[in-house]
Amino acid sequence: MTKAPNGGAPAPLLEVRNLRTYFHTDAGDTRAVDGISFSISAGKTLAVVGESGCGKTVTALSILQLIPQPPGEFASGEIRLFGRDLLRLTPQGVARDPRRASRHDFSGAGHQP
């Protein structure tokens, strides 16, 4: 568990701040995720629900960094895992981090479970 800088309550394991994931295509630009923020603490579960097309899947794929670039783009925001911003790390930096999480550390129910 990661401690807060001031020694207080534990910091979230995963924190998404103002994430914006856009897609640029010949038909134009799509703002699939436009400013979502949330955090998940150790031992907690987050359920993401919403209407079809509201950005649930793109949010999850963004966290896992499975958005193809191009046409996708992380326009802004942070995805912090154990306090480190995944969007700013190089693949080598992620590989060297002993606290790194793999895609197997995340779970979810698909559209048609």
C-alpha atoms as a PDB file:
ATOM      1  CA  MET A   1       0.000   0.000   0.000  1.00  0.00           C
ATOM      2  CA  THR A   2       1.315   3.438  -0.911  1.00  0.00           C
ATOM      3  CA  LYS A   3       1.314   6.023   1.884  1.00  0.00           C
ATOM      4  CA  ALA A   4       0.270   9.600   1.305  1.00  0.00           C
ATOM      5  CA  PRO A   5       3.183  12.079   1.165  1.00  0.00           C
ATOM      6  CA  ASN A   6       2.188  13.572   4.538  1.00  0.00           C
ATOM      7  CA  GLY A   7       2.100  10.138   6.202  1.00  0.00           C
ATOM      8  CA  GLY A   8      -1.691  10.229   6.505  1.00  0.00           C
ATOM      9  CA  ALA A   9      -4.207   7.972   4.854  1.00  0.00           C
ATOM     10  CA  PRO A  10      -2.962   5.577   2.184  1.00  0.00           C
ATOM     11  CA  ALA A  11      -2.776   6.980  -1.330  1.00  0.00           C
ATOM     12  CA  PRO A  12      -5.044   5.350  -3.941  1.00  0.00           C
ATOM     13  CA  LEU A  13      -3.617   2.371  -5.805  1.00  0.00           C
ATOM     14  CA  LEU A  14      -5.084   3.669  -9.060  1.00  0.00           C
ATOM     15  CA  GLU A  15      -5.958   7.276  -9.748  1.00  0.00           C
ATOM     16  CA  VAL A  16      -7.264   8.615 -13.039  1.00  0.00           C
ATOM     17  CA  ARG A  17      -7.217  12.399 -13.327  1.00  0.00           C
ATOM     18  CA  ASN A  18      -8.911  14.381 -16.071  1.00  0.00           C
ATOM     19  CA  LEU A  19      -8.274  11.657 -18.680  1.00  0.00           C
ATOM     20  CA  ARG A  20      -9.041  12.621 -22.252  1.00  0.00           C
ATOM     21  CA  THR A  21      -8.796   9.951 -24.957  1.00  0.00           C
ATOM     22  CA  TYR A  22      -9.565  11.069 -28.480  1.00  0.00           C
ATOM     23  CA  PHE A  23      -9.671   9.336 -31.846  1.00  0.00           C
ATOM     24  CA  HIS A  24      -8.654  11.100 -35.044  1.00  0.00           C
ATOM     25  CA  THR A  25     -10.124   9.628 -38.233  1.00  0.00           C
ATOM     26  CA  ASP A  26     -10.865  10.723 -41.775  1.00  0.00           C
ATOM     27  CA  ALA A  27     -14.465  11.303 -40.660  1.00  0.00           C
ATOM     28  CA  GLY A  28     -13.305  13.711 -37.947  1.00  0.00           C
ATOM     29  CA  ASP A  29     -12.289  13.695 -34.306  1.00  0.00           C
ATOM     30  CA  THR A  30     -14.152  11.846 -31.567  1.00  0.00           C
ATOM     31  CA  ARG A  31     -13.782  12.677 -27.891  1.00  0.00           C
ATOM     32  CA  ALA A  32     -14.405   9.174 -26.555  1.00  0.00           C
ATOM     33  CA  VAL A  33     -13.341  10.039 -22.998  1.00  0.00           C
ATOM     34  CA  ASP A  34     -13.399  13.714 -22.135  1.00  0.00           C
ATOM     35  CA  GLY A  35     -12.218  14.504 -18.615  1.00  0.00           C
ATOM     36  CA  ILE A  36     -12.984  11.491 -16.406  1.00  0.00           C
ATOM     37  CA  SER A  37     -11.492  11.320 -12.906  1.00  0.00           C
ATOM     38  CA  PHE A  38     -11.717   8.638 -10.209  1.00  0.00           C
ATOM     39  CA  SER A  39      -9.559   6.726  -7.742  1.00  0.00           C
ATOM     40  CA  ILE A  40      -9.513   3.224  -6.300  1.00  0.00           C
ATOM     41  CA  SER A  41      -8.006   2.408  -2.913  1.00  0.00           C
ATOM     42  CA  ALA A  42      -6.599  -0.939  -1.811  1.00  0.00           C
ATOM     43  CA  GLY A  43      -9.281  -3.561  -1.257  1.00  0.00           C
ATOM     44  CA  LYS A  44     -11.973  -1.531  -3.016  1.00  0.00           C
ATOM     45  CA  THR A  45     -13.959  -2.217  -6.185  1.00  0.00           C
ATOM     46  CA  LEU A  46     -15.197   0.293  -8.730  1.00  0.00           C
ATOM     47  CA  ALA A  47     -18.165  -0.429 -10.973  1.00  0.00           C
ATOM     48  CA  VAL A  48     -18.314   1.663 -14.133  1.00  0.00           C
ATOM     49  CA  VAL A  49     -21.819   1.755 -15.561  1.00  0.00           C
ATOM     50  CA  GLY A  50     -23.453   3.871 -18.210  1.00  0.00           C
ATOM     51  CA  GLU A  51     -25.228   3.999 -21.501  1.00  0.00           C
ATOM     52  CA  SER A  52     -23.832   2.380 -24.611  1.00  0.00           C
ATOM     53  CA  GLY A  53     -21.170   4.591 -26.170  1.00  0.00           C
ATOM     54  CA  CYS A  54     -20.500   6.683 -23.051  1.00  0.00           C
ATOM     55  CA  GLY A  55     -16.799   5.732 -22.832  1.00  0.00           C
ATOM     56  CA  LYS A  56     -16.666   2.820 -20.369  1.00  0.00           C
ATOM     57  CA  THR A  57     -14.650   0.540 -22.636  1.00  0.00           C
ATOM     58  CA  VAL A  58     -12.341   3.294 -23.881  1.00  0.00           C
ATOM     59  CA  THR A  59     -11.652   4.283 -20.265  1.00  0.00           C
ATOM     60  CA  ALA A  60     -10.667   0.703 -19.397  1.00  0.00           C
ATOM     61  CA  LEU A  61      -8.573   0.314 -22.553  1.00  0.00           C
ATOM     62  CA  SER A  62      -6.871   3.629 -21.794  1.00  0.00           C
ATOM     63  CA  ILE A  63      -5.878   2.449 -18.311  1.00  0.00           C
ATOM     64  CA  LEU A  64      -4.480  -0.761 -19.798  1.00  0.00           C
ATOM     65  CA  GLN A  65      -2.831   1.293 -22.560  1.00  0.00           C
ATOM     66  CA  LEU A  66      -4.463  -0.797 -25.266  1.00  0.00           C
ATOM     67  CA  ILE A  67      -5.612   2.157 -27.361  1.00  0.00           C
ATOM     68  CA  PRO A  68      -3.948   1.995 -30.794  1.00  0.00           C
ATOM     69  CA  GLN A  69      -2.012   5.196 -31.509  1.00  0.00           C
ATOM     70  CA  PRO A  70      -2.921   6.386 -34.086  1.00  0.00           C
ATOM     71  CA  PRO A  71      -5.858   6.831 -34.441  1.00  0.00           C
ATOM     72  CA  GLY A  72      -6.138   7.102 -30.650  1.00  0.00           C
ATOM     73  CA  GLU A  73      -4.477   9.796 -28.576  1.00  0.00           C
ATOM     74  CA  PHE A  74      -4.186  10.419 -24.846  1.00  0.00           C
ATOM     75  CA  ALA A  75      -4.863  14.140 -25.214  1.00  0.00           C
ATOM     76  CA  SER A  76      -4.354  14.943 -21.529  1.00  0.00           C
ATOM     77  CA  GLY A  77      -4.692  13.625 -18.035  1.00  0.00           C
ATOM     78  CA  GLU A  78      -2.941  11.166 -15.772  1.00  0.00           C
ATOM     79  CA  ILE A  79      -3.260   7.470 -15.047  1.00  0.00           C
ATOM     80  CA  ARG A  80      -1.415   6.937 -11.766  1.00  0.00           C
ATOM     81  CA  LEU A  81      -0.680   3.439 -10.573  1.00  0.00           C
ATOM     82  CA  PHE A  82       1.180   3.245  -7.240  1.00  0.00           C
ATOM     83  CA  GLY A  83       1.685   7.013  -7.604  1.00  0.00           C
ATOM     84  CA  ARG A  84       3.467   6.836 -10.974  1.00  0.00           C
ATOM     85  CA  ASP A  85       1.892   8.318 -14.083  1.00  0.00           C
ATOM     86  CA  LEU A  86       1.725   5.477 -16.622  1.00  0.00           C
ATOM     87  CA  LEU A  87       1.211   7.872 -19.514  1.00  0.00           C
ATOM     88  CA  ARG A  88       4.593   9.496 -18.823  1.00  0.00           C
ATOM     89  CA  LEU A  89       6.603   6.283 -18.414  1.00  0.00           C
ATOM     90  CA  THR A  90       8.540   4.719 -21.237  1.00  0.00           C
ATOM     91  CA  PRO A  91       7.979   0.982 -21.831  1.00  0.00           C
ATOM     92  CA  GLN A  92      11.448   0.402 -20.356  1.00  0.00           C
ATOM     93  CA  GLY A  93      10.521   2.382 -17.244  1.00  0.00           C
ATOM     94  CA  VAL A  94       7.397   0.305 -16.749  1.00  0.00           C
ATOM     95  CA  ALA A  95       9.355  -2.948 -17.177  1.00  0.00           C
ATOM     96  CA  ARG A  96      11.910  -1.938 -14.520  1.00  0.00           C
ATOM     97  CA  ASP A  97       9.330  -0.947 -11.895  1.00  0.00           C
ATOM     98  CA  PRO A  98       9.042  -3.786  -9.334  1.00  0.00           C
ATOM     99  CA  ARG A  99       5.558  -2.532  -8.377  1.00  0.00           C
ATOM    100  CA  ARG A 100       4.294  -2.664 -11.933  1.00  0.00           C
ATOM    101  CA  ALA A 101       0.934  -4.239 -12.575  1.00  0.00           C
ATOM    102  CA  SER A 102       0.192  -6.414 -15.517  1.00  0.00           C
ATOM    103  CA  ARG A 103      -3.055  -6.681 -17.405  1.00  0.00           C
ATOM    104  CA  HIS A 104      -3.721  -9.770 -15.282  1.00  0.00           C
ATOM    105  CA  ASP A 105      -4.020  -7.564 -12.183  1.00  0.00           C
ATOM    106  CA  PHE A 106      -7.173  -5.964 -13.549  1.00  0.00           C
ATOM    107  CA  SER A 107     -10.503  -7.647 -14.163  1.00  0.00           C
ATOM    108  CA  GLY A 108     -13.741  -6.678 -15.732  1.00  0.00           C
ATOM    109  CA  ALA A 109     -16.956  -8.030 -17.143  1.00  0.00           C
ATOM    110  CA  GLY A 110     -17.276  -7.613 -20.878  1.00  0.00           C
ATOM    111  CA  HIS A 111     -20.265  -6.413 -22.808  1.00  0.00           C
ATOM    112  CA  GLN A 112     -21.606  -9.955 -23.078  1.00  0.00           C
ATOM    113  CA  PRO A 113     -20.400 -11.848 -19.988  1.00  0.00           C
END
